[in-house]
Amino acid sequence: SNHVAPLMRAGTMEPSGRHTAIIAALKDRDFPRAREEVVADIRSTQETLRAICPDVPEPRPVEFAGFGKAS
């Protein structure tokens, strides 16, 4: 988030338009479509960040209780 906030303030990243499709799907109670829109938003943001900040290491995946690898 330390790298994303300045980009958003500078106008390099503007996520608000992407959220329109997510909100529309949620209002329609179309949860599979909402999930697809969220995943597309995350992937797009990752690609933008890789292009803008190529020297910043990628975060490690986070594993939540009940998800991810079994211990």
C-alpha atoms as a PDB file:
ATOM      1  CA  SER A   1       0.000   0.000   0.000  1.00  0.00           C
ATOM      2  CA  ASN A   2       2.953   2.344   0.454  1.00  0.00           C
ATOM      3  CA  HIS A   3       3.518   2.134  -3.293  1.00  0.00           C
ATOM      4  CA  VAL A   4      -0.120   2.263  -4.386  1.00  0.00           C
ATOM      5  CA  ALA A   5      -1.302   5.327  -2.443  1.00  0.00           C
ATOM      6  CA  PRO A   6       1.044   7.813  -4.186  1.00  0.00           C
ATOM      7  CA  LEU A   7       0.070   6.396  -7.586  1.00  0.00           C
ATOM      8  CA  MET A   8      -3.611   6.869  -6.817  1.00  0.00           C
ATOM      9  CA  ARG A   9      -3.038  10.427  -5.562  1.00  0.00           C
ATOM     10  CA  ALA A  10      -1.064  11.218  -8.728  1.00  0.00           C
ATOM     11  CA  GLY A  11      -3.893   9.868 -10.888  1.00  0.00           C
ATOM     12  CA  THR A  12      -1.743   7.064 -12.314  1.00  0.00           C
ATOM     13  CA  MET A  13      -4.159   4.490 -10.919  1.00  0.00           C
ATOM     14  CA  GLU A  14      -7.866   5.251 -10.823  1.00  0.00           C
ATOM     15  CA  PRO A  15      -9.823   2.274  -9.508  1.00  0.00           C
ATOM     16  CA  SER A  16     -13.242   3.891  -9.149  1.00  0.00           C
ATOM     17  CA  GLY A  17     -14.401   3.038 -12.676  1.00  0.00           C
ATOM     18  CA  ARG A  18     -13.526  -0.613 -12.196  1.00  0.00           C
ATOM     19  CA  HIS A  19     -15.703  -0.864  -9.126  1.00  0.00           C
ATOM     20  CA  THR A  20     -18.830   0.034 -11.097  1.00  0.00           C
ATOM     21  CA  ALA A  21     -19.059  -3.465 -12.604  1.00  0.00           C
ATOM     22  CA  ILE A  22     -18.467  -5.079  -9.209  1.00  0.00           C
ATOM     23  CA  ILE A  23     -21.192  -3.014  -7.549  1.00  0.00           C
ATOM     24  CA  ALA A  24     -23.631  -3.656 -10.410  1.00  0.00           C
ATOM     25  CA  ALA A  25     -23.100  -7.410 -10.112  1.00  0.00           C
ATOM     26  CA  LEU A  26     -23.600  -7.283  -6.346  1.00  0.00           C
ATOM     27  CA  LYS A  27     -26.799  -5.255  -6.713  1.00  0.00           C
ATOM     28  CA  ASP A  28     -28.032  -7.881  -9.199  1.00  0.00           C
ATOM     29  CA  ARG A  29     -27.058 -10.556  -6.647  1.00  0.00           C
ATOM     30  CA  ASP A  30     -24.932 -12.119  -9.384  1.00  0.00           C
ATOM     31  CA  PHE A  31     -22.146 -13.274  -7.094  1.00  0.00           C
ATOM     32  CA  PRO A  32     -20.201 -15.342  -9.664  1.00  0.00           C
ATOM     33  CA  ARG A  33     -20.021 -12.285 -11.956  1.00  0.00           C
ATOM     34  CA  ALA A  34     -19.027 -10.081  -9.006  1.00  0.00           C
ATOM     35  CA  ARG A  35     -16.225 -12.503  -8.163  1.00  0.00           C
ATOM     36  CA  GLU A  36     -15.023 -12.482 -11.782  1.00  0.00           C
ATOM     37  CA  GLU A  37     -15.010  -8.672 -11.763  1.00  0.00           C
ATOM     38  CA  VAL A  38     -13.029  -8.580  -8.510  1.00  0.00           C
ATOM     39  CA  VAL A  39     -10.469 -11.039  -9.891  1.00  0.00           C
ATOM     40  CA  ALA A  40     -10.181  -9.005 -13.117  1.00  0.00           C
ATOM     41  CA  ASP A  41      -9.690  -5.826 -11.068  1.00  0.00           C
ATOM     42  CA  ILE A  42      -6.940  -7.428  -8.980  1.00  0.00           C
ATOM     43  CA  ARG A  43      -5.146  -8.774 -12.060  1.00  0.00           C
ATOM     44  CA  SER A  44      -5.343  -5.411 -13.810  1.00  0.00           C
ATOM     45  CA  THR A  45      -3.983  -3.639 -10.738  1.00  0.00           C
ATOM     46  CA  GLN A  46      -1.115  -6.128 -10.468  1.00  0.00           C
ATOM     47  CA  GLU A  47      -0.198  -5.601 -14.127  1.00  0.00           C
ATOM     48  CA  THR A  48      -0.285  -1.814 -13.693  1.00  0.00           C
ATOM     49  CA  LEU A  49       1.900  -1.983 -10.603  1.00  0.00           C
ATOM     50  CA  ARG A  50       4.409  -4.284 -12.316  1.00  0.00           C
ATOM     51  CA  ALA A  51       4.681  -1.808 -15.188  1.00  0.00           C
ATOM     52  CA  ILE A  52       4.998   1.260 -12.956  1.00  0.00           C
ATOM     53  CA  CYS A  53       7.108  -0.209 -10.133  1.00  0.00           C
ATOM     54  CA  PRO A  54       9.222  -2.979 -11.699  1.00  0.00           C
ATOM     55  CA  ASP A  55      11.821  -2.860  -8.898  1.00  0.00           C
ATOM     56  CA  VAL A  56       9.344  -3.478  -6.076  1.00  0.00           C
ATOM     57  CA  PRO A  57       9.319  -7.141  -5.024  1.00  0.00           C
ATOM     58  CA  GLU A  58       6.015  -8.953  -5.331  1.00  0.00           C
ATOM     59  CA  PRO A  59       4.292  -9.793  -2.047  1.00  0.00           C
ATOM     60  CA  ARG A  60       4.155 -13.391  -0.974  1.00  0.00           C
ATOM     61  CA  PRO A  61       0.739 -15.066  -1.119  1.00  0.00           C
ATOM     62  CA  VAL A  62      -1.189 -14.890   2.125  1.00  0.00           C
ATOM     63  CA  GLU A  63      -2.755 -18.046   3.475  1.00  0.00           C
ATOM     64  CA  PHE A  64      -5.880 -17.677   5.565  1.00  0.00           C
ATOM     65  CA  ALA A  65      -7.223 -20.180   8.055  1.00  0.00           C
ATOM     66  CA  GLY A  66      -9.148 -22.797   6.135  1.00  0.00           C
ATOM     67  CA  PHE A  67      -7.725 -21.740   2.777  1.00  0.00           C
ATOM     68  CA  GLY A  68      -4.476 -22.374   0.977  1.00  0.00           C
ATOM     69  CA  LYS A  69      -2.041 -25.108   1.862  1.00  0.00           C
ATOM     70  CA  ALA A  70      -2.808 -27.591   4.584  1.00  0.00           C
ATOM     71  CA  SER A  71      -0.306 -27.584   7.431  1.00  0.00           C
END
